[in-house]
Amino acid sequence: MNSVVSPVASTQMKTVTPSGDTRFADHALLISILALGLFGATMIASASSAIAQSTYGTPFFFVFRQLCFLALGCFIGVIVFRVPLAVWEKFGPHLIIVSLIFLGLVLLPFIGKEVNGSRRWIDLGFITIQVSETVKLFIIVYLAGYLVRRGHLVQTTFGGFIRPLLLICVACALLLLEPDFGAAVVIATTATLMLFVAGVRFSQFLSLIGVLGVLASLLIMLSPYRLQRFASFMDPFADAFGSGYQLSNSLIAIGSGGITGLGFGNSIQKMQFLPEAHTDFLFAVLCEELGLIGALFTIALYAFIVWRCFQLSRKADEQGRGFAGFIALGIGIWIGLQSFINMGVSLGVLPTKGITLPLMSYGGSSAVVFAIAFSLLLRVEWELAQDERLALRVGDELTEEAYP
């Protein structure tokens, strides 16, 4: 964004709530989001049927839970949509502090729940919360507010540039202790790109990229299981029944789909050959059943949503709504980056890591948080549209006064 809203202008942000005119200027964005969620639930129904039948005695166990999570996300999303962006801007610093506290709590053995060697969840009995999903959203909210309040300092001083990175580094360090390398990568990359767009000095941006690259390389080389994953990524079929098992089966699934796929529900790899078929590797099953056509349709959905996020960001910048612009920008980067990583892992162009496909992969925390994020995005669109309508009304009134 080529301009930064001053603190004074930020305090003048409208706090109107959608009580009267609740029309969306962009129905295509809303339809795309709903299509993504429903399409994901449909694919979960297919990808999880075998493991659900063998484990729980019904093929619909996971898809029923996913639909419940999506319904909960929609309910919370309606509430979120009614909250003015000014409220999010005001409480952004509080949200990031709460996130860091919960990231610390999840590491405690009597609070955090351990699954497959990772402690990433807080079990509340009726629902299990993956804290890292909320952290991604709250860091975007915090950083958007910071870039509005301290945008000039970010562009001109090293202190203004490094201050928000300290909190983000703490969050990433706590995520690495879980360990959750994928979430740390998404958060660090999203924050870095937001700072770049905000106008940080190019030398500082390059320095940050270099530091992140060195740290990521060290984390891979000093961790045996990460190094093993990286080696299997380079040649998964060298140990197809060992470290390369998951990726090799993913590639088999994708290769089997061809142009049109084997048909919905006809995946072979989902029959407990491909681990995490309904979560991290849902895209592989999608390619096997719906082929290249289904894959391109999915990519097109994500591409449109990300493109629309960037359009809203530019529009907000033109209207002087810095916080709204950075929110749309951050969500767009997050969605685009996470979907790219998930698809890249399934296709074997990126090392294997536990990253869900936004709003499509099975997972309660992921579904609810992405529903909240999209509701926040729709709120951005609504407020910008309201500003346009208000500007048009004022313009018409001035014209009538000038030419009665």
Protein backbone atom coordinates (compact mmCIF):
# COMPACT_ATOMS: atom_id res chain seq x y z
CA MET A 1 0.00 0.00 0.00
CA ASN A 2 1.43 3.33 -0.99
CA SER A 3 -0.02 5.35 1.88
CA VAL A 4 -0.41 4.97 5.61
CA VAL A 5 -3.31 6.39 7.59
CA SER A 6 -2.28 8.65 10.43
CA PRO A 7 -3.42 7.94 14.02
CA VAL A 8 -5.76 10.92 13.83
CA ALA A 9 -7.40 9.64 10.68
CA SER A 10 -7.58 6.18 12.20
CA THR A 11 -9.64 7.46 15.13
CA GLN A 12 -12.14 8.88 12.68
CA MET A 13 -12.97 5.47 11.27
CA LYS A 14 -16.69 4.82 11.11
CA THR A 15 -18.17 2.54 13.74
CA VAL A 16 -21.51 2.02 12.02
CA THR A 17 -23.03 -1.42 12.45
CA PRO A 18 -24.92 -3.18 9.65
CA SER A 19 -28.41 -2.63 11.00
CA GLY A 20 -30.06 -1.00 8.01
CA ASP A 21 -28.51 -1.56 4.62
CA THR A 22 -26.83 -4.96 4.77
CA ARG A 23 -26.42 -5.52 1.04
CA PHE A 24 -23.13 -6.86 -0.26
CA ALA A 25 -21.57 -5.08 -3.20
CA ASP A 26 -19.74 -8.28 -4.09
CA HIS A 27 -22.02 -11.31 -4.14
CA ALA A 28 -19.37 -13.26 -6.07
CA LEU A 29 -17.00 -13.15 -3.08
CA LEU A 30 -19.67 -14.47 -0.70
CA ILE A 31 -20.71 -17.19 -3.16
CA SER A 32 -17.07 -18.26 -3.67
CA ILE A 33 -16.54 -18.58 0.09
CA LEU A 34 -19.70 -20.62 0.55
CA ALA A 35 -18.80 -22.79 -2.45
CA LEU A 36 -15.36 -23.43 -0.98
CA GLY A 37 -16.81 -24.62 2.34
CA LEU A 38 -19.48 -26.84 0.80
CA PHE A 39 -17.09 -28.25 -1.81
CA GLY A 40 -14.64 -29.05 0.97
CA ALA A 41 -17.33 -30.82 3.00
CA THR A 42 -18.27 -32.86 -0.07
CA MET A 43 -14.66 -33.93 -0.59
CA ILE A 44 -14.27 -34.74 3.12
CA ALA A 45 -17.31 -37.00 2.84
CA SER A 46 -15.55 -38.97 0.12
CA ALA A 47 -11.96 -38.87 1.45
CA SER A 48 -12.87 -39.86 5.02
CA SER A 49 -15.48 -42.54 4.31
CA ALA A 50 -13.13 -45.51 4.59
CA ILE A 51 -11.35 -44.51 7.80
CA ALA A 52 -14.61 -43.28 9.35
CA GLN A 53 -16.32 -46.60 8.61
CA SER A 54 -13.48 -48.69 10.06
CA THR A 55 -12.95 -46.49 13.12
CA TYR A 56 -16.41 -45.24 14.05
CA GLY A 57 -18.76 -47.61 12.20
CA THR A 58 -20.24 -44.91 9.96
CA PRO A 59 -18.80 -43.35 6.78
CA PHE A 60 -20.32 -39.96 7.64
CA PHE A 61 -18.59 -39.35 10.99
CA PHE A 62 -16.08 -36.76 9.80
CA VAL A 63 -18.30 -34.96 7.31
CA PHE A 64 -21.07 -34.60 9.90
CA ARG A 65 -18.61 -33.06 12.35
CA GLN A 66 -17.22 -30.78 9.64
CA LEU A 67 -20.72 -29.54 8.79
CA CYS A 68 -21.27 -28.82 12.49
CA PHE A 69 -18.01 -26.87 12.62
CA LEU A 70 -18.97 -24.93 9.49
CA ALA A 71 -22.38 -24.14 11.01
CA LEU A 72 -20.66 -22.93 14.19
CA GLY A 73 -18.27 -20.88 12.08
CA CYS A 74 -21.18 -19.29 10.20
CA PHE A 75 -22.94 -18.46 13.47
CA ILE A 76 -19.85 -16.81 14.93
CA GLY A 77 -19.17 -15.22 11.56
CA VAL A 78 -22.54 -13.44 11.59
CA ILE A 79 -21.63 -11.97 14.98
CA VAL A 80 -18.16 -11.00 13.76
CA PHE A 81 -19.64 -9.30 10.71
CA ARG A 82 -21.62 -6.99 12.98
CA VAL A 83 -18.49 -5.83 14.82
CA PRO A 84 -17.05 -2.59 13.34
CA LEU A 85 -13.47 -2.68 12.12
CA ALA A 86 -12.65 0.10 14.58
CA VAL A 87 -13.28 -2.34 17.43
CA TRP A 88 -10.85 -4.87 15.93
CA GLU A 89 -8.28 -2.11 15.50
CA LYS A 90 -8.66 -1.02 19.13
CA PHE A 91 -8.33 -4.48 20.63
CA GLY A 92 -5.69 -5.87 18.24
CA PRO A 93 -2.84 -5.59 20.80
CA HIS A 94 -4.99 -7.34 23.42
CA LEU A 95 -5.77 -10.20 21.03
CA ILE A 96 -2.10 -10.87 20.29
CA ILE A 97 -1.24 -10.92 24.01
CA VAL A 98 -4.08 -13.39 24.68
CA SER A 99 -2.82 -15.52 21.77
CA LEU A 100 0.69 -15.67 23.23
CA ILE A 101 -0.70 -16.68 26.63
CA PHE A 102 -2.65 -19.55 25.08
CA LEU A 103 0.38 -20.60 23.02
CA GLY A 104 2.24 -20.89 26.29
CA LEU A 105 -0.60 -22.78 28.00
CA VAL A 106 -0.82 -25.36 25.21
CA LEU A 107 2.74 -26.46 26.01
CA LEU A 108 1.78 -27.45 29.57
CA PRO A 109 1.21 -31.24 29.85
CA PHE A 110 -1.94 -30.92 31.96
CA ILE A 111 -3.52 -28.42 29.55
CA GLY A 112 -2.20 -29.15 26.06
CA LYS A 113 -3.23 -32.31 24.23
CA GLU A 114 -0.51 -34.30 22.47
CA VAL A 115 -1.21 -36.05 19.15
CA ASN A 116 1.46 -37.81 17.07
CA GLY A 117 4.26 -36.25 19.10
CA SER A 118 2.98 -32.67 18.76
CA ARG A 119 1.29 -30.64 21.51
CA ARG A 120 -0.88 -28.18 19.59
CA TRP A 121 -4.37 -28.55 21.02
CA ILE A 122 -6.38 -27.59 24.11
CA ASP A 123 -9.07 -30.18 24.80
CA LEU A 124 -12.26 -28.65 26.20
CA GLY A 125 -14.13 -31.96 26.12
CA PHE A 126 -16.78 -31.06 23.55
CA ILE A 127 -14.27 -29.44 21.20
CA THR A 128 -10.51 -29.42 20.70
CA ILE A 129 -8.98 -26.01 19.91
CA GLN A 130 -5.83 -25.68 17.82
CA VAL A 131 -4.44 -22.41 19.14
CA SER A 132 -2.12 -21.79 16.17
CA GLU A 133 -5.13 -21.20 13.88
CA THR A 134 -6.39 -18.27 15.96
CA VAL A 135 -2.87 -16.87 16.27
CA LYS A 136 -2.60 -16.52 12.48
CA LEU A 137 -5.71 -14.32 12.38
CA PHE A 138 -4.90 -12.27 15.48
CA ILE A 139 -1.38 -11.50 14.27
CA ILE A 140 -2.86 -10.10 11.05
CA VAL A 141 -5.27 -7.93 13.09
CA TYR A 142 -2.49 -6.73 15.40
CA LEU A 143 -0.04 -6.00 12.58
CA ALA A 144 -2.71 -4.18 10.54
CA GLY A 145 -3.37 -1.86 13.48
CA TYR A 146 0.33 -1.36 14.14
CA LEU A 147 1.03 -0.43 10.52
CA VAL A 148 -1.69 2.21 10.72
CA ARG A 149 -0.52 3.65 14.04
CA ARG A 150 3.23 3.41 13.41
CA GLY A 151 3.40 3.27 9.63
CA HIS A 152 5.74 6.25 9.33
CA LEU A 153 8.14 4.75 11.89
CA VAL A 154 8.09 1.41 10.08
CA GLN A 155 9.13 3.14 6.88
CA THR A 156 11.82 5.39 8.39
CA THR A 157 13.30 3.81 11.55
CA PHE A 158 14.75 0.44 12.48
CA GLY A 159 12.93 0.48 15.82
CA GLY A 160 9.55 0.90 14.18
CA PHE A 161 10.37 -1.97 11.83
CA ILE A 162 11.68 -4.40 14.46
CA ARG A 163 9.15 -3.77 17.27
CA PRO A 164 6.23 -5.79 15.83
CA LEU A 165 8.63 -8.55 14.80
CA LEU A 166 9.55 -9.18 18.43
CA LEU A 167 6.02 -10.33 19.29
CA ILE A 168 5.84 -12.34 16.08
CA CYS A 169 9.19 -14.00 16.91
CA VAL A 170 7.85 -14.95 20.35
CA ALA A 171 4.76 -16.48 18.73
CA CYS A 172 6.86 -18.42 16.20
CA ALA A 173 9.21 -19.64 18.93
CA LEU A 174 6.27 -21.00 20.94
CA LEU A 175 4.89 -22.66 17.81
CA LEU A 176 8.24 -24.34 17.15
CA LEU A 177 8.17 -25.77 20.68
CA GLU A 178 4.88 -27.59 19.95
CA PRO A 179 6.31 -28.24 17.27
CA ASP A 180 4.35 -26.59 14.45
CA PHE A 181 6.88 -25.54 11.83
CA GLY A 182 4.24 -25.01 9.14
CA ALA A 183 2.23 -22.49 11.18
CA ALA A 184 5.41 -20.60 12.07
CA VAL A 185 6.32 -20.38 8.36
CA VAL A 186 2.86 -19.08 7.43
CA ILE A 187 2.88 -16.45 10.19
CA ALA A 188 6.44 -15.25 9.52
CA THR A 189 5.90 -15.04 5.76
CA THR A 190 2.55 -13.26 6.05
CA ALA A 191 3.99 -10.69 8.47
CA THR A 192 7.05 -10.14 6.27
CA LEU A 193 4.97 -9.50 3.15
CA MET A 194 2.63 -7.14 5.03
CA LEU A 195 5.66 -5.14 6.20
CA PHE A 196 7.01 -5.05 2.65
CA VAL A 197 3.75 -3.68 1.26
CA ALA A 198 3.63 -1.13 4.10
CA GLY A 199 6.81 0.39 2.70
CA VAL A 200 9.61 -0.94 4.89
CA ARG A 201 13.10 -0.15 3.62
CA PHE A 202 14.19 -2.63 0.99
CA SER A 203 17.52 -3.27 2.74
CA GLN A 204 15.68 -4.17 5.95
CA PHE A 205 13.28 -6.38 4.02
CA LEU A 206 16.17 -8.26 2.37
CA SER A 207 17.89 -8.61 5.76
CA LEU A 208 14.72 -10.08 7.24
CA ILE A 209 14.37 -12.52 4.34
CA GLY A 210 17.99 -13.58 4.82
CA VAL A 211 17.57 -14.12 8.57
CA LEU A 212 14.39 -16.13 8.07
CA GLY A 213 16.08 -18.24 5.39
CA VAL A 214 19.05 -19.01 7.63
CA LEU A 215 16.80 -19.85 10.60
CA ALA A 216 14.60 -22.13 8.49
CA SER A 217 17.68 -23.94 7.14
CA LEU A 218 19.09 -24.41 10.65
CA LEU A 219 15.77 -25.70 11.95
CA ILE A 220 15.69 -28.28 9.16
CA MET A 221 19.32 -29.38 9.57
CA LEU A 222 19.28 -29.55 13.37
CA SER A 223 16.03 -31.54 13.57
CA PRO A 224 16.34 -35.21 12.52
CA TYR A 225 12.68 -35.63 11.60
CA ARG A 226 12.63 -32.40 9.55
CA LEU A 227 15.82 -33.43 7.79
CA GLN A 228 14.27 -36.82 7.06
CA ARG A 229 11.17 -35.12 5.65
CA PHE A 230 13.32 -32.91 3.45
CA ALA A 231 15.28 -35.92 2.17
CA SER A 232 12.07 -37.83 1.41
CA PHE A 233 10.70 -34.76 -0.38
CA MET A 234 13.74 -34.80 -2.70
CA ASP A 235 13.10 -38.45 -3.65
CA PRO A 236 9.98 -39.92 -2.01
CA PHE A 237 10.13 -43.22 -3.92
CA ALA A 238 13.63 -43.95 -2.61
CA ASP A 239 11.94 -45.02 0.63
CA ALA A 240 8.35 -45.44 -0.54
CA PHE A 241 7.38 -47.60 2.45
CA GLY A 242 9.23 -45.48 5.01
CA SER A 243 9.85 -41.74 5.18
CA GLY A 244 8.48 -41.21 1.66
CA TYR A 245 5.29 -43.22 2.19
CA GLN A 246 2.88 -40.30 2.54
CA LEU A 247 4.22 -38.25 -0.35
CA SER A 248 4.61 -41.22 -2.69
CA ASN A 249 0.98 -42.24 -2.12
CA SER A 250 -0.10 -38.63 -2.66
CA LEU A 251 1.71 -38.55 -6.00
CA ILE A 252 0.16 -41.89 -6.98
CA ALA A 253 -3.29 -40.48 -6.21
CA ILE A 254 -2.71 -37.31 -8.22
CA GLY A 255 -1.19 -39.20 -11.15
CA SER A 256 -4.09 -41.66 -11.19
CA GLY A 257 -6.66 -38.89 -11.64
CA GLY A 258 -5.56 -37.78 -15.09
CA ILE A 259 -7.68 -35.12 -16.78
CA THR A 260 -11.18 -36.05 -15.61
CA GLY A 261 -10.45 -38.21 -12.54
CA LEU A 262 -11.70 -41.62 -11.49
CA GLY A 263 -15.07 -40.21 -10.47
CA PHE A 264 -16.38 -38.86 -7.18
CA GLY A 265 -16.08 -41.47 -4.43
CA ASN A 266 -13.84 -43.76 -6.50
CA SER A 267 -10.49 -42.92 -4.95
CA ILE A 268 -8.28 -45.92 -4.22
CA GLN A 269 -5.64 -44.16 -2.14
CA LYS A 270 -8.22 -43.02 0.42
CA MET A 271 -8.76 -46.69 1.34
CA GLN A 272 -6.22 -46.17 4.15
CA PHE A 273 -3.25 -46.12 1.79
CA LEU A 274 -2.82 -42.33 2.03
CA PRO A 275 -2.49 -41.04 5.63
CA GLU A 276 -4.40 -37.86 6.50
CA ALA A 277 -6.46 -38.16 3.32
CA HIS A 278 -9.27 -35.96 4.68
CA THR A 279 -7.00 -33.38 6.35
CA ASP A 280 -3.58 -32.36 5.02
CA PHE A 281 -3.79 -34.43 1.80
CA LEU A 282 -7.39 -33.75 0.79
CA PHE A 283 -6.14 -32.12 -2.41
CA ALA A 284 -4.54 -35.40 -3.50
CA VAL A 285 -7.85 -37.26 -3.18
CA LEU A 286 -9.59 -34.40 -4.99
CA CYS A 287 -7.16 -34.75 -7.90
CA GLU A 288 -7.60 -38.53 -7.97
CA GLU A 289 -11.38 -38.36 -8.08
CA LEU A 290 -11.98 -35.18 -10.09
CA GLY A 291 -8.74 -35.00 -12.05
CA LEU A 292 -7.08 -31.93 -13.46
CA ILE A 293 -10.48 -30.30 -14.02
CA GLY A 294 -11.34 -30.51 -10.31
CA ALA A 295 -7.88 -29.28 -9.34
CA LEU A 296 -8.14 -26.25 -11.64
CA PHE A 297 -11.62 -25.46 -10.32
CA THR A 298 -10.28 -25.49 -6.74
CA ILE A 299 -7.28 -23.34 -7.64
CA ALA A 300 -9.60 -20.90 -9.46
CA LEU A 301 -11.76 -20.52 -6.33
CA TYR A 302 -8.75 -19.68 -4.17
CA ALA A 303 -7.26 -17.43 -6.85
CA PHE A 304 -10.49 -15.42 -7.11
CA ILE A 305 -10.76 -14.97 -3.33
CA VAL A 306 -7.11 -13.88 -3.03
CA TRP A 307 -7.47 -11.54 -6.02
CA ARG A 308 -10.58 -10.03 -4.44
CA CYS A 309 -8.70 -9.55 -1.14
CA PHE A 310 -6.01 -7.57 -2.93
CA GLN A 311 -8.65 -5.55 -4.79
CA LEU A 312 -10.32 -4.65 -1.48
CA SER A 313 -6.93 -3.73 -0.03
CA ARG A 314 -6.25 -1.33 -2.91
CA LYS A 315 -9.75 0.11 -2.68
CA ALA A 316 -9.36 0.69 1.07
CA ASP A 317 -6.04 2.44 0.46
CA GLU A 318 -7.69 4.75 -2.07
CA GLN A 319 -10.40 5.58 0.49
CA GLY A 320 -7.86 6.24 3.25
CA ARG A 321 -8.97 3.19 5.26
CA GLY A 322 -5.54 1.84 6.19
CA PHE A 323 -6.66 -0.73 8.75
CA ALA A 324 -9.27 -2.22 6.42
CA GLY A 325 -6.68 -2.36 3.65
CA PHE A 326 -4.09 -4.18 5.72
CA ILE A 327 -6.73 -6.64 7.03
CA ALA A 328 -7.76 -7.52 3.47
CA LEU A 329 -4.11 -7.73 2.42
CA GLY A 330 -3.15 -9.97 5.35
CA ILE A 331 -6.08 -12.34 4.85
CA GLY A 332 -5.33 -12.53 1.12
CA ILE A 333 -1.67 -13.37 1.74
CA TRP A 334 -2.60 -15.92 4.41
CA ILE A 335 -5.19 -17.71 2.25
CA GLY A 336 -3.00 -17.69 -0.83
CA LEU A 337 0.13 -18.81 1.01
CA GLN A 338 -1.51 -21.60 3.00
CA SER A 339 -3.41 -23.03 0.02
CA PHE A 340 -0.22 -22.86 -2.08
CA ILE A 341 1.78 -24.70 0.60
CA ASN A 342 -0.88 -27.38 1.05
CA MET A 343 -1.20 -28.02 -2.69
CA GLY A 344 2.57 -27.83 -3.12
CA VAL A 345 3.09 -30.48 -0.44
CA SER A 346 0.55 -32.79 -2.07
CA LEU A 347 2.18 -32.27 -5.48
CA GLY A 348 5.67 -32.90 -4.09
CA VAL A 349 7.06 -29.46 -4.91
CA LEU A 350 7.38 -28.52 -1.21
CA PRO A 351 8.55 -30.55 1.82
CA THR A 352 5.82 -32.29 3.79
CA LYS A 353 4.34 -30.26 6.64
CA GLY A 354 1.02 -30.20 8.47
CA ILE A 355 -0.84 -27.36 6.73
CA THR A 356 -4.56 -27.56 6.05
CA LEU A 357 -6.30 -26.50 2.87
CA PRO A 358 -8.24 -23.36 3.95
CA LEU A 359 -11.93 -24.05 4.64
CA MET A 360 -11.71 -27.41 2.85
CA SER A 361 -9.58 -29.76 4.96
CA TYR A 362 -11.19 -31.43 7.95
CA GLY A 363 -10.61 -29.64 11.25
CA GLY A 364 -12.84 -27.78 13.69
CA SER A 365 -10.46 -24.99 14.68
CA SER A 366 -9.39 -24.39 11.10
CA ALA A 367 -12.97 -24.27 9.78
CA VAL A 368 -14.19 -21.89 12.49
CA VAL A 369 -11.19 -19.53 12.28
CA PHE A 370 -11.34 -19.32 8.50
CA ALA A 371 -15.08 -18.63 8.73
CA ILE A 372 -14.29 -15.76 11.13
CA ALA A 373 -11.54 -14.47 8.82
CA PHE A 374 -13.87 -14.48 5.82
CA SER A 375 -16.56 -12.72 7.87
CA LEU A 376 -14.01 -10.06 8.74
CA LEU A 377 -13.18 -9.77 5.04
CA LEU A 378 -16.87 -9.34 4.21
CA ARG A 379 -17.05 -6.65 6.89
CA VAL A 380 -14.21 -4.85 5.13
CA GLU A 381 -16.12 -5.07 1.85
CA TRP A 382 -19.33 -3.83 3.52
CA GLU A 383 -17.73 -0.81 5.18
CA LEU A 384 -15.95 0.21 1.99
CA ALA A 385 -19.23 -0.08 0.07
CA GLN A 386 -20.99 2.01 2.74
CA ASP A 387 -18.32 4.69 2.38
CA GLU A 388 -18.90 4.75 -1.37
CA ARG A 389 -22.67 5.11 -0.93
CA LEU A 390 -22.17 7.87 1.63
CA ALA A 391 -19.76 9.72 -0.68
CA LEU A 392 -22.27 9.48 -3.54
CA ARG A 393 -25.10 10.80 -1.33
CA VAL A 394 -22.97 13.70 -0.13
CA GLY A 395 -21.96 14.45 -3.72
CA ASP A 396 -25.59 14.45 -4.85
CA GLU A 397 -26.61 16.75 -1.98
CA LEU A 398 -23.82 19.20 -2.79
CA THR A 399 -24.84 19.16 -6.44
CA GLU A 400 -28.47 19.89 -5.50
CA GLU A 401 -27.39 22.79 -3.27
CA ALA A 402 -25.18 24.22 -6.00
CA TYR A 403 -27.83 23.78 -8.70
CA PRO A 404 -31.26 23.86 -6.99
